[in-house]
Amino acid sequence: MRKHAPLYWRHTRAAWGFALPFVLLFTAFTAGPVLMSLAMAVTDLRSRDLRDPFAVNFVGIENFVTVFEDPLFRKAALNTAYFVLVGVPLTLCLSLGIAVLLNSGITRLKTFFRVGYYMPVVTSIVAVAVVWRFLLHPDSGLLNEVLGLFGVEGPHWLGSTTWAMPSMIAMATWRSIGTLIIIFVAGLQGVPTSLHEAAALDGAGAWQRFRHITIPTIRPTLLFGAVITGIGYVQFFEEPFVMTQGGPLNSTLSVAFHTYNQFGFGNYGYAAAMSYVLFLAVVLLTLVQFRFLGERDDRPRRRRRRPVPVASKEIGR
């Protein structure tokens, strides 16, 4: 052991030498800001206190209590829950359906379709906003023009409290399905064809094979797609920021957008507390997704036999 000790320490110093740049950057730009935001969340720090940090007071959980008492935050939380509960299943179902078609139904131009579906992911949000504002314009928008051909008067999509959030969901789904399609196609290619062939010989239809073979096989892929989509949708910010500024009447105001506004107003402590509430929402959603989409042990459990008391054995004799 002593003979190899110098070599061990040389390898250890070399490993730390390679890891040190990352550790420094992580501490300076990730761990440090996280700890500072946690400290801000339990104080009454405002923008005016930056010149005099000693005027900041410790308030404990007062900011967190204020968050849940704020009617505007509750409105933003309901909007975010609506966006997540509708947007995540819709995005997953559309992505999986298109991935199945690309994996089996479409035999030509697969690469063209894959690139086409992925283009919105790499497109600037500003360009996307221009396109969707044109599509959803109440007077000259392409969508209302098409509806007018069938005698239907289209609504003011982004100016209506009823249709503004569905418009945001449609836009977010359009932007997000490209990444999930690539992930799901990779997962579908790992499903053994022999299982489908054996099930088809036994008389199983296409839907039965998809439900009982494809879905259980790609369950880890579905879980990964649901988690990354859920995390992104809970923090949705760009869509209302660019398209509606949270309107009309705060119908598209999200928790992330509300937090951004509070930082802009100089309420740093309150905004930091709100960001941690949003973090807990992400954790809770991820745990729920792991509960429903995580791997399950379907093996039947063996019932433990209760030990027979000694006195009963003697009576039986």
C-alpha atoms as a PDB file:
ATOM      1  CA  MET A   1       0.000   0.000   0.000  1.00  0.00           C
ATOM      2  CA  ARG A   2       2.761   2.435   0.869  1.00  0.00           C
ATOM      3  CA  LYS A   3       4.541   1.598  -2.365  1.00  0.00           C
ATOM      4  CA  HIS A   4       1.588   2.799  -4.451  1.00  0.00           C
ATOM      5  CA  ALA A   5       0.666   5.792  -2.248  1.00  0.00           C
ATOM      6  CA  PRO A   6       2.708   8.409  -4.190  1.00  0.00           C
ATOM      7  CA  LEU A   7       1.114   7.244  -7.469  1.00  0.00           C
ATOM      8  CA  TYR A   8      -2.351   7.487  -5.899  1.00  0.00           C
ATOM      9  CA  TRP A   9      -1.770  11.052  -4.725  1.00  0.00           C
ATOM     10  CA  ARG A  10      -0.390  12.067  -8.123  1.00  0.00           C
ATOM     11  CA  HIS A  11      -3.508  10.718  -9.801  1.00  0.00           C
ATOM     12  CA  THR A  12      -5.696  12.491  -7.229  1.00  0.00           C
ATOM     13  CA  ARG A  13      -3.951  15.836  -7.785  1.00  0.00           C
ATOM     14  CA  ALA A  14      -4.223  15.397 -11.545  1.00  0.00           C
ATOM     15  CA  ALA A  15      -7.951  14.627 -11.294  1.00  0.00           C
ATOM     16  CA  TRP A  16      -8.574  17.682  -9.135  1.00  0.00           C
ATOM     17  CA  GLY A  17      -6.519  19.760 -11.536  1.00  0.00           C
ATOM     18  CA  PHE A  18      -8.814  18.787 -14.404  1.00  0.00           C
ATOM     19  CA  ALA A  19     -11.951  19.236 -12.301  1.00  0.00           C
ATOM     20  CA  LEU A  20     -10.929  22.545 -10.707  1.00  0.00           C
ATOM     21  CA  PRO A  21     -12.037  24.818 -13.601  1.00  0.00           C
ATOM     22  CA  PHE A  22     -15.513  23.303 -13.557  1.00  0.00           C
ATOM     23  CA  VAL A  23     -15.713  23.471  -9.755  1.00  0.00           C
ATOM     24  CA  LEU A  24     -14.763  27.159  -9.784  1.00  0.00           C
ATOM     25  CA  LEU A  25     -17.239  28.020 -12.546  1.00  0.00           C
ATOM     26  CA  PHE A  26     -20.003  25.991 -10.874  1.00  0.00           C
ATOM     27  CA  THR A  27     -19.375  27.681  -7.536  1.00  0.00           C
ATOM     28  CA  ALA A  28     -19.246  31.175  -9.019  1.00  0.00           C
ATOM     29  CA  PHE A  29     -22.187  30.972 -11.420  1.00  0.00           C
ATOM     30  CA  THR A  30     -24.479  28.250 -10.010  1.00  0.00           C
ATOM     31  CA  ALA A  31     -23.959  27.326  -6.364  1.00  0.00           C
ATOM     32  CA  GLY A  32     -23.133  30.889  -5.326  1.00  0.00           C
ATOM     33  CA  PRO A  33     -26.215  32.518  -6.887  1.00  0.00           C
ATOM     34  CA  VAL A  34     -28.457  29.733  -5.547  1.00  0.00           C
ATOM     35  CA  LEU A  35     -27.226  30.288  -1.993  1.00  0.00           C
ATOM     36  CA  MET A  36     -27.536  34.053  -2.395  1.00  0.00           C
ATOM     37  CA  SER A  37     -31.109  33.720  -3.663  1.00  0.00           C
ATOM     38  CA  LEU A  38     -31.938  31.524  -0.658  1.00  0.00           C
ATOM     39  CA  ALA A  39     -30.549  34.219   1.630  1.00  0.00           C
ATOM     40  CA  MET A  40     -32.583  36.845  -0.241  1.00  0.00           C
ATOM     41  CA  ALA A  41     -35.768  34.797   0.177  1.00  0.00           C
ATOM     42  CA  VAL A  42     -35.671  35.139   3.966  1.00  0.00           C
ATOM     43  CA  THR A  43     -34.969  38.883   3.983  1.00  0.00           C
ATOM     44  CA  ASP A  44     -36.842  42.032   2.965  1.00  0.00           C
ATOM     45  CA  LEU A  45     -34.195  42.955   0.394  1.00  0.00           C
ATOM     46  CA  ARG A  46     -35.320  45.576  -2.111  1.00  0.00           C
ATOM     47  CA  SER A  47     -33.533  47.489  -4.830  1.00  0.00           C
ATOM     48  CA  ARG A  48     -33.036  50.507  -2.568  1.00  0.00           C
ATOM     49  CA  ASP A  49     -31.133  48.318  -0.084  1.00  0.00           C
ATOM     50  CA  LEU A  50     -28.319  47.583  -2.516  1.00  0.00           C
ATOM     51  CA  ARG A  51     -26.580  50.794  -1.468  1.00  0.00           C
ATOM     52  CA  ASP A  52     -26.951  49.933   2.215  1.00  0.00           C
ATOM     53  CA  PRO A  53     -26.927  46.118   2.681  1.00  0.00           C
ATOM     54  CA  PHE A  54     -26.905  46.473   6.472  1.00  0.00           C
ATOM     55  CA  ALA A  55     -30.441  47.897   6.327  1.00  0.00           C
ATOM     56  CA  VAL A  56     -31.779  44.503   5.224  1.00  0.00           C
ATOM     57  CA  ASN A  57     -33.842  42.698   7.867  1.00  0.00           C
ATOM     58  CA  PHE A  58     -34.341  38.974   8.397  1.00  0.00           C
ATOM     59  CA  VAL A  59     -38.026  38.102   7.947  1.00  0.00           C
ATOM     60  CA  GLY A  60     -37.944  34.276   7.968  1.00  0.00           C
ATOM     61  CA  ILE A  61     -40.844  32.705   6.055  1.00  0.00           C
ATOM     62  CA  GLU A  62     -42.787  35.961   5.777  1.00  0.00           C
ATOM     63  CA  ASN A  63     -42.056  36.231   2.047  1.00  0.00           C
ATOM     64  CA  PHE A  64     -43.329  32.699   1.460  1.00  0.00           C
ATOM     65  CA  VAL A  65     -46.523  33.452   3.366  1.00  0.00           C
ATOM     66  CA  THR A  66     -46.987  36.616   1.307  1.00  0.00           C
ATOM     67  CA  VAL A  67     -46.549  34.617  -1.890  1.00  0.00           C
ATOM     68  CA  PHE A  68     -49.543  32.392  -1.153  1.00  0.00           C
ATOM     69  CA  GLU A  69     -51.610  35.345   0.072  1.00  0.00           C
ATOM     70  CA  ASP A  70     -50.978  37.282  -3.150  1.00  0.00           C
ATOM     71  CA  PRO A  71     -54.084  36.991  -5.411  1.00  0.00           C
ATOM     72  CA  LEU A  72     -51.965  37.780  -8.470  1.00  0.00           C
ATOM     73  CA  PHE A  73     -49.657  34.873  -7.665  1.00  0.00           C
ATOM     74  CA  ARG A  74     -52.639  32.555  -7.256  1.00  0.00           C
ATOM     75  CA  LYS A  75     -53.874  33.692 -10.647  1.00  0.00           C
ATOM     76  CA  ALA A  76     -50.446  33.040 -12.159  1.00  0.00           C
ATOM     77  CA  ALA A  77     -50.293  29.623 -10.457  1.00  0.00           C
ATOM     78  CA  LEU A  78     -53.686  28.638 -11.909  1.00  0.00           C
ATOM     79  CA  ASN A  79     -52.563  29.787 -15.358  1.00  0.00           C
ATOM     80  CA  THR A  80     -49.362  27.764 -15.042  1.00  0.00           C
ATOM     81  CA  ALA A  81     -51.254  24.679 -13.857  1.00  0.00           C
ATOM     82  CA  TYR A  82     -53.636  25.018 -16.815  1.00  0.00           C
ATOM     83  CA  PHE A  83     -50.697  25.370 -19.192  1.00  0.00           C
ATOM     84  CA  VAL A  84     -48.946  22.300 -17.756  1.00  0.00           C
ATOM     85  CA  LEU A  85     -51.950  19.990 -17.349  1.00  0.00           C
ATOM     86  CA  VAL A  86     -53.117  20.616 -20.906  1.00  0.00           C
ATOM     87  CA  GLY A  87     -49.823  21.280 -22.661  1.00  0.00           C
ATOM     88  CA  VAL A  88     -47.717  18.367 -21.395  1.00  0.00           C
ATOM     89  CA  PRO A  89     -50.148  15.534 -22.326  1.00  0.00           C
ATOM     90  CA  LEU A  90     -50.934  17.224 -25.652  1.00  0.00           C
ATOM     91  CA  THR A  91     -47.248  17.590 -26.512  1.00  0.00           C
ATOM     92  CA  LEU A  92     -46.435  14.020 -25.496  1.00  0.00           C
ATOM     93  CA  CYS A  93     -49.344  12.511 -27.462  1.00  0.00           C
ATOM     94  CA  LEU A  94     -48.651  14.498 -30.632  1.00  0.00           C
ATOM     95  CA  SER A  95     -44.922  13.799 -30.448  1.00  0.00           C
ATOM     96  CA  LEU A  96     -45.438  10.085 -29.888  1.00  0.00           C
ATOM     97  CA  GLY A  97     -47.986   9.840 -32.707  1.00  0.00           C
ATOM     98  CA  ILE A  98     -45.699  11.590 -35.184  1.00  0.00           C
ATOM     99  CA  ALA A  99     -42.732   9.514 -34.015  1.00  0.00           C
ATOM    100  CA  VAL A 100     -44.681   6.305 -34.648  1.00  0.00           C
ATOM    101  CA  LEU A 101     -45.492   7.486 -38.167  1.00  0.00           C
ATOM    102  CA  LEU A 102     -41.890   8.450 -38.843  1.00  0.00           C
ATOM    103  CA  ASN A 103     -40.664   5.133 -37.474  1.00  0.00           C
ATOM    104  CA  SER A 104     -43.008   2.858 -39.404  1.00  0.00           C
ATOM    105  CA  GLY A 105     -45.681   4.567 -41.464  1.00  0.00           C
ATOM    106  CA  ILE A 106     -43.552   6.920 -43.563  1.00  0.00           C
ATOM    107  CA  THR A 107     -41.050   5.145 -45.781  1.00  0.00           C
ATOM    108  CA  ARG A 108     -39.837   8.066 -47.887  1.00  0.00           C
ATOM    109  CA  LEU A 109     -38.337  11.429 -46.951  1.00  0.00           C
ATOM    110  CA  LYS A 110     -37.939  10.462 -43.275  1.00  0.00           C
ATOM    111  CA  THR A 111     -34.959  12.799 -42.882  1.00  0.00           C
ATOM    112  CA  PHE A 112     -36.907  15.686 -44.420  1.00  0.00           C
ATOM    113  CA  PHE A 113     -39.785  15.268 -41.983  1.00  0.00           C
ATOM    114  CA  ARG A 114     -37.461  14.884 -38.982  1.00  0.00           C
ATOM    115  CA  VAL A 115     -35.610  18.085 -39.863  1.00  0.00           C
ATOM    116  CA  GLY A 116     -38.874  19.873 -40.584  1.00  0.00           C
ATOM    117  CA  TYR A 117     -40.384  19.001 -37.211  1.00  0.00           C
ATOM    118  CA  TYR A 118     -37.165  20.020 -35.439  1.00  0.00           C
ATOM    119  CA  MET A 119     -36.866  23.433 -37.123  1.00  0.00           C
ATOM    120  CA  PRO A 120     -39.122  25.270 -34.612  1.00  0.00           C
ATOM    121  CA  VAL A 121     -36.834  24.179 -31.766  1.00  0.00           C
ATOM    122  CA  VAL A 122     -33.845  26.073 -33.184  1.00  0.00           C
ATOM    123  CA  THR A 123     -35.892  29.032 -34.437  1.00  0.00           C
ATOM    124  CA  SER A 124     -35.673  32.314 -32.542  1.00  0.00           C
ATOM    125  CA  ILE A 125     -38.626  33.080 -30.306  1.00  0.00           C
ATOM    126  CA  VAL A 126     -38.862  36.520 -31.934  1.00  0.00           C
ATOM    127  CA  ALA A 127     -39.299  34.958 -35.376  1.00  0.00           C
ATOM    128  CA  VAL A 128     -41.812  32.506 -33.941  1.00  0.00           C
ATOM    129  CA  ALA A 129     -43.752  35.372 -32.345  1.00  0.00           C
ATOM    130  CA  VAL A 130     -43.933  37.247 -35.658  1.00  0.00           C
ATOM    131  CA  VAL A 131     -45.250  34.166 -37.455  1.00  0.00           C
ATOM    132  CA  TRP A 132     -47.846  33.330 -34.790  1.00  0.00           C
ATOM    133  CA  ARG A 133     -49.042  36.916 -34.513  1.00  0.00           C
ATOM    134  CA  PHE A 134     -49.674  36.821 -38.249  1.00  0.00           C
ATOM    135  CA  LEU A 135     -51.500  33.497 -37.952  1.00  0.00           C
ATOM    136  CA  LEU A 136     -53.637  34.669 -35.007  1.00  0.00           C
ATOM    137  CA  HIS A 137     -54.351  38.252 -36.109  1.00  0.00           C
ATOM    138  CA  PRO A 138     -58.090  38.887 -35.636  1.00  0.00           C
ATOM    139  CA  ASP A 139     -58.622  40.708 -38.957  1.00  0.00           C
ATOM    140  CA  SER A 140     -56.043  39.476 -41.447  1.00  0.00           C
ATOM    141  CA  GLY A 141     -54.700  36.346 -39.711  1.00  0.00           C
ATOM    142  CA  LEU A 142     -54.381  33.193 -41.754  1.00  0.00           C
ATOM    143  CA  LEU A 143     -56.353  31.129 -39.220  1.00  0.00           C
ATOM    144  CA  ASN A 144     -59.356  33.455 -39.204  1.00  0.00           C
ATOM    145  CA  GLU A 145     -59.209  33.713 -42.993  1.00  0.00           C
ATOM    146  CA  VAL A 146     -59.477  29.922 -43.245  1.00  0.00           C
ATOM    147  CA  LEU A 147     -62.330  29.860 -40.726  1.00  0.00           C
ATOM    148  CA  GLY A 148     -64.090  32.581 -42.740  1.00  0.00           C
ATOM    149  CA  LEU A 149     -64.133  30.312 -45.788  1.00  0.00           C
ATOM    150  CA  PHE A 150     -66.412  27.999 -43.805  1.00  0.00           C
ATOM    151  CA  GLY A 151     -68.596  30.815 -42.524  1.00  0.00           C
ATOM    152  CA  VAL A 152     -67.043  30.839 -39.035  1.00  0.00           C
ATOM    153  CA  GLU A 153     -66.065  34.161 -37.475  1.00  0.00           C
ATOM    154  CA  GLY A 154     -62.748  33.666 -35.728  1.00  0.00           C
ATOM    155  CA  PRO A 155     -62.176  35.247 -32.304  1.00  0.00           C
ATOM    156  CA  HIS A 156     -59.480  37.688 -31.238  1.00  0.00           C
ATOM    157  CA  TRP A 157     -57.132  34.865 -30.256  1.00  0.00           C
ATOM    158  CA  LEU A 158     -54.533  36.796 -28.274  1.00  0.00           C
ATOM    159  CA  GLY A 159     -56.952  39.439 -27.028  1.00  0.00           C
ATOM    160  CA  SER A 160     -59.510  37.069 -25.540  1.00  0.00           C
ATOM    161  CA  THR A 161     -59.342  35.781 -21.991  1.00  0.00           C
ATOM    162  CA  THR A 162     -60.839  32.510 -23.264  1.00  0.00           C
ATOM    163  CA  TRP A 163     -58.568  31.869 -26.230  1.00  0.00           C
ATOM    164  CA  ALA A 164     -55.265  33.511 -25.216  1.00  0.00           C
ATOM    165  CA  MET A 165     -54.019  30.593 -23.105  1.00  0.00           C
ATOM    166  CA  PRO A 166     -55.011  27.898 -25.658  1.00  0.00           C
ATOM    167  CA  SER A 167     -53.095  29.952 -28.223  1.00  0.00           C
ATOM    168  CA  MET A 168     -50.037  29.911 -25.945  1.00  0.00           C
ATOM    169  CA  ILE A 169     -50.388  26.140 -25.523  1.00  0.00           C
ATOM    170  CA  ALA A 170     -50.625  25.622 -29.286  1.00  0.00           C
ATOM    171  CA  MET A 171     -47.541  27.740 -29.857  1.00  0.00           C
ATOM    172  CA  ALA A 172     -45.556  25.971 -27.125  1.00  0.00           C
ATOM    173  CA  THR A 173     -46.595  22.544 -28.416  1.00  0.00           C
ATOM    174  CA  TRP A 174     -45.533  23.467 -31.945  1.00  0.00           C
ATOM    175  CA  ARG A 175     -42.145  24.588 -30.652  1.00  0.00           C
ATOM    176  CA  SER A 176     -41.566  21.589 -28.374  1.00  0.00           C
ATOM    177  CA  ILE A 177     -42.623  18.520 -30.341  1.00  0.00           C
ATOM    178  CA  GLY A 178     -39.433  18.467 -32.424  1.00  0.00           C
ATOM    179  CA  THR A 179     -37.182  17.477 -29.537  1.00  0.00           C
ATOM    180  CA  LEU A 180     -39.585  14.815 -28.281  1.00  0.00           C
ATOM    181  CA  ILE A 181     -40.026  13.373 -31.762  1.00  0.00           C
ATOM    182  CA  ILE A 182     -36.279  12.774 -32.025  1.00  0.00           C
ATOM    183  CA  ILE A 183     -36.242  11.177 -28.564  1.00  0.00           C
ATOM    184  CA  PHE A 184     -39.286   8.987 -29.196  1.00  0.00           C
ATOM    185  CA  VAL A 185     -38.057   7.827 -32.598  1.00  0.00           C
ATOM    186  CA  ALA A 186     -34.828   6.692 -30.940  1.00  0.00           C
ATOM    187  CA  GLY A 187     -36.841   4.836 -28.302  1.00  0.00           C
ATOM    188  CA  LEU A 188     -39.137   3.199 -30.865  1.00  0.00           C
ATOM    189  CA  GLN A 189     -36.162   1.925 -32.822  1.00  0.00           C
ATOM    190  CA  GLY A 190     -35.123  -0.017 -29.721  1.00  0.00           C
ATOM    191  CA  VAL A 191     -38.386  -1.988 -29.568  1.00  0.00           C
ATOM    192  CA  PRO A 192     -37.655  -5.581 -30.783  1.00  0.00           C
ATOM    193  CA  THR A 193     -39.588  -6.362 -33.957  1.00  0.00           C
ATOM    194  CA  SER A 194     -39.747 -10.021 -32.913  1.00  0.00           C
ATOM    195  CA  LEU A 195     -42.197  -9.100 -30.142  1.00  0.00           C
ATOM    196  CA  HIS A 196     -44.562  -7.428 -32.605  1.00  0.00           C
ATOM    197  CA  GLU A 197     -44.276 -10.336 -35.019  1.00  0.00           C
ATOM    198  CA  ALA A 198     -45.028 -12.880 -32.301  1.00  0.00           C
ATOM    199  CA  ALA A 199     -48.004 -10.834 -31.065  1.00  0.00           C
ATOM    200  CA  ALA A 200     -49.327 -10.474 -34.632  1.00  0.00           C
ATOM    201  CA  LEU A 201     -49.149 -14.255 -35.104  1.00  0.00           C
ATOM    202  CA  ASP A 202     -51.201 -14.642 -31.917  1.00  0.00           C
ATOM    203  CA  GLY A 203     -53.888 -12.381 -33.386  1.00  0.00           C
ATOM    204  CA  ALA A 204     -53.075  -9.091 -31.619  1.00  0.00           C
ATOM    205  CA  GLY A 205     -54.126  -5.976 -33.520  1.00  0.00           C
ATOM    206  CA  ALA A 206     -52.064  -2.843 -34.102  1.00  0.00           C
ATOM    207  CA  TRP A 207     -53.556  -1.011 -31.098  1.00  0.00           C
ATOM    208  CA  GLN A 208     -53.058  -4.013 -28.802  1.00  0.00           C
ATOM    209  CA  ARG A 209     -49.416  -4.327 -29.885  1.00  0.00           C
ATOM    210  CA  PHE A 210     -48.886  -0.609 -29.363  1.00  0.00           C
ATOM    211  CA  ARG A 211     -50.511  -0.650 -25.929  1.00  0.00           C
ATOM    212  CA  HIS A 212     -49.044  -3.856 -24.517  1.00  0.00           C
ATOM    213  CA  ILE A 213     -45.643  -3.977 -26.265  1.00  0.00           C
ATOM    214  CA  THR A 214     -44.555  -0.544 -27.480  1.00  0.00           C
ATOM    215  CA  ILE A 215     -45.680   1.575 -24.520  1.00  0.00           C
ATOM    216  CA  PRO A 216     -44.181  -0.687 -21.781  1.00  0.00           C
ATOM    217  CA  THR A 217     -40.933  -1.031 -23.740  1.00  0.00           C
ATOM    218  CA  ILE A 218     -40.418   2.707 -24.216  1.00  0.00           C
ATOM    219  CA  ARG A 219     -41.652   3.646 -20.722  1.00  0.00           C
ATOM    220  CA  PRO A 220     -38.219   5.063 -19.698  1.00  0.00           C
ATOM    221  CA  THR A 221     -38.195   7.167 -22.879  1.00  0.00           C
ATOM    222  CA  LEU A 222     -41.700   8.443 -22.139  1.00  0.00           C
ATOM    223  CA  LEU A 223     -40.650   9.291 -18.601  1.00  0.00           C
ATOM    224  CA  PHE A 224     -37.643  11.268 -19.819  1.00  0.00           C
ATOM    225  CA  GLY A 225     -39.754  13.158 -22.345  1.00  0.00           C
ATOM    226  CA  ALA A 226     -42.460  13.904 -19.769  1.00  0.00           C
ATOM    227  CA  VAL A 227     -39.931  15.165 -17.212  1.00  0.00           C
ATOM    228  CA  ILE A 228     -38.079  17.548 -19.534  1.00  0.00           C
ATOM    229  CA  THR A 229     -41.346  18.802 -21.022  1.00  0.00           C
ATOM    230  CA  GLY A 230     -42.938  19.281 -17.609  1.00  0.00           C
ATOM    231  CA  ILE A 231     -39.935  21.186 -16.269  1.00  0.00           C
ATOM    232  CA  GLY A 232     -39.974  23.491 -19.275  1.00  0.00           C
ATOM    233  CA  TYR A 233     -43.724  24.079 -19.150  1.00  0.00           C
ATOM    234  CA  VAL A 234     -43.806  24.839 -15.425  1.00  0.00           C
ATOM    235  CA  GLN A 235     -41.258  27.587 -16.104  1.00  0.00           C
ATOM    236  CA  PHE A 236     -42.921  28.880 -19.277  1.00  0.00           C
ATOM    237  CA  PHE A 237     -42.004  32.510 -19.742  1.00  0.00           C
ATOM    238  CA  GLU A 238     -41.081  33.351 -23.329  1.00  0.00           C
ATOM    239  CA  GLU A 239     -44.528  32.805 -24.835  1.00  0.00           C
ATOM    240  CA  PRO A 240     -46.459  35.332 -22.693  1.00  0.00           C
ATOM    241  CA  PHE A 241     -43.486  37.698 -22.510  1.00  0.00           C
ATOM    242  CA  VAL A 242     -43.232  37.995 -26.281  1.00  0.00           C
ATOM    243  CA  MET A 243     -46.855  37.516 -27.340  1.00  0.00           C
ATOM    244  CA  THR A 244     -49.192  38.968 -24.715  1.00  0.00           C
ATOM    245  CA  GLN A 245     -47.166  40.460 -21.835  1.00  0.00           C
ATOM    246  CA  GLY A 246     -49.339  38.370 -19.505  1.00  0.00           C
ATOM    247  CA  GLY A 247     -52.627  39.766 -20.800  1.00  0.00           C
ATOM    248  CA  PRO A 248     -55.425  40.141 -21.393  1.00  0.00           C
ATOM    249  CA  LEU A 249     -56.420  40.678 -17.757  1.00  0.00           C
ATOM    250  CA  ASN A 250     -53.506  38.478 -16.600  1.00  0.00           C
ATOM    251  CA  SER A 251     -55.046  35.447 -18.324  1.00  0.00           C
ATOM    252  CA  THR A 252     -51.612  34.365 -19.620  1.00  0.00           C
ATOM    253  CA  LEU A 253     -49.541  35.522 -16.664  1.00  0.00           C
ATOM    254  CA  SER A 254     -47.257  32.676 -15.546  1.00  0.00           C
ATOM    255  CA  VAL A 255     -45.430  32.211 -12.266  1.00  0.00           C
ATOM    256  CA  ALA A 256     -42.077  32.684 -14.002  1.00  0.00           C
ATOM    257  CA  PHE A 257     -43.308  35.885 -15.671  1.00  0.00           C
ATOM    258  CA  HIS A 258     -44.717  37.154 -12.369  1.00  0.00           C
ATOM    259  CA  THR A 259     -41.377  36.423 -10.685  1.00  0.00           C
ATOM    260  CA  TYR A 260     -39.583  38.313 -13.449  1.00  0.00           C
ATOM    261  CA  ASN A 261     -41.881  41.297 -12.916  1.00  0.00           C
ATOM    262  CA  GLN A 262     -41.211  41.318  -9.175  1.00  0.00           C
ATOM    263  CA  PHE A 263     -37.471  41.374  -9.777  1.00  0.00           C
ATOM    264  CA  GLY A 264     -38.061  44.285 -12.153  1.00  0.00           C
ATOM    265  CA  PHE A 265     -40.073  46.102  -9.479  1.00  0.00           C
ATOM    266  CA  GLY A 266     -37.153  45.720  -7.066  1.00  0.00           C
ATOM    267  CA  ASN A 267     -38.853  43.245  -4.696  1.00  0.00           C
ATOM    268  CA  TYR A 268     -35.837  40.948  -4.589  1.00  0.00           C
ATOM    269  CA  GLY A 269     -36.673  39.033  -1.415  1.00  0.00           C
ATOM    270  CA  TYR A 270     -40.254  38.404  -2.456  1.00  0.00           C
ATOM    271  CA  ALA A 271     -39.225  37.380  -5.974  1.00  0.00           C
ATOM    272  CA  ALA A 272     -36.578  34.990  -4.620  1.00  0.00           C
ATOM    273  CA  ALA A 273     -39.177  33.318  -2.400  1.00  0.00           C
ATOM    274  CA  MET A 274     -41.472  32.979  -5.396  1.00  0.00           C
ATOM    275  CA  SER A 275     -38.700  31.335  -7.405  1.00  0.00           C
ATOM    276  CA  TYR A 276     -38.272  28.694  -4.685  1.00  0.00           C
ATOM    277  CA  VAL A 277     -42.009  28.008  -4.721  1.00  0.00           C
ATOM    278  CA  LEU A 278     -41.675  27.458  -8.454  1.00  0.00           C
ATOM    279  CA  PHE A 279     -38.750  25.114  -7.814  1.00  0.00           C
ATOM    280  CA  LEU A 280     -40.865  23.066  -5.392  1.00  0.00           C
ATOM    281  CA  ALA A 281     -43.600  22.862  -8.034  1.00  0.00           C
ATOM    282  CA  VAL A 282     -41.067  21.436 -10.497  1.00  0.00           C
ATOM    283  CA  VAL A 283     -39.954  18.851  -7.919  1.00  0.00           C
ATOM    284  CA  LEU A 284     -43.550  17.870  -7.129  1.00  0.00           C
ATOM    285  CA  LEU A 285     -44.454  17.477 -10.812  1.00  0.00           C
ATOM    286  CA  THR A 286     -41.349  15.357 -11.426  1.00  0.00           C
ATOM    287  CA  LEU A 287     -42.208  13.065  -8.503  1.00  0.00           C
ATOM    288  CA  VAL A 288     -45.739  12.605  -9.857  1.00  0.00           C
ATOM    289  CA  GLN A 289     -44.373  11.746 -13.294  1.00  0.00           C
ATOM    290  CA  PHE A 290     -41.978   9.206 -11.794  1.00  0.00           C
ATOM    291  CA  ARG A 291     -44.910   7.717  -9.877  1.00  0.00           C
ATOM    292  CA  PHE A 292     -47.023   7.164 -12.990  1.00  0.00           C
ATOM    293  CA  LEU A 293     -44.376   6.550 -15.669  1.00  0.00           C
ATOM    294  CA  GLY A 294     -41.544   5.005 -13.663  1.00  0.00           C
ATOM    295  CA  GLU A 295     -40.674   1.344 -13.928  1.00  0.00           C
ATOM    296  CA  ARG A 296     -42.999  -0.947 -12.024  1.00  0.00           C
ATOM    297  CA  ASP A 297     -42.466  -4.368 -10.554  1.00  0.00           C
ATOM    298  CA  ASP A 298     -45.375  -6.385 -11.936  1.00  0.00           C
ATOM    299  CA  ARG A 299     -44.225  -9.658 -10.444  1.00  0.00           C
ATOM    300  CA  PRO A 300     -46.779 -11.193  -8.051  1.00  0.00           C
ATOM    301  CA  ARG A 301     -45.782 -10.875  -4.453  1.00  0.00           C
ATOM    302  CA  ARG A 302     -45.462 -14.049  -2.460  1.00  0.00           C
ATOM    303  CA  ARG A 303     -47.524 -14.096   0.682  1.00  0.00           C
ATOM    304  CA  ARG A 304     -45.481 -14.706   3.772  1.00  0.00           C
ATOM    305  CA  ARG A 305     -46.655 -17.703   5.729  1.00  0.00           C
ATOM    306  CA  ARG A 306     -47.337 -16.943   9.341  1.00  0.00           C
ATOM    307  CA  PRO A 307     -45.368 -19.092  11.764  1.00  0.00           C
ATOM    308  CA  VAL A 308     -47.502 -21.619  13.586  1.00  0.00           C
ATOM    309  CA  PRO A 309     -47.289 -21.233  17.395  1.00  0.00           C
ATOM    310  CA  VAL A 310     -45.631 -24.096  19.285  1.00  0.00           C
ATOM    311  CA  ALA A 311     -48.771 -24.673  21.365  1.00  0.00           C
ATOM    312  CA  SER A 312     -50.854 -25.188  18.218  1.00  0.00           C
ATOM    313  CA  LYS A 313     -48.363 -27.762  16.992  1.00  0.00           C
ATOM    314  CA  GLU A 314     -48.645 -29.662  20.252  1.00  0.00           C
ATOM    315  CA  ILE A 315     -52.464 -29.624  20.074  1.00  0.00           C
ATOM    316  CA  GLY A 316     -52.366 -30.896  16.509  1.00  0.00           C
ATOM    317  CA  ARG A 317     -50.334 -33.829  17.614  1.00  0.00           C
END
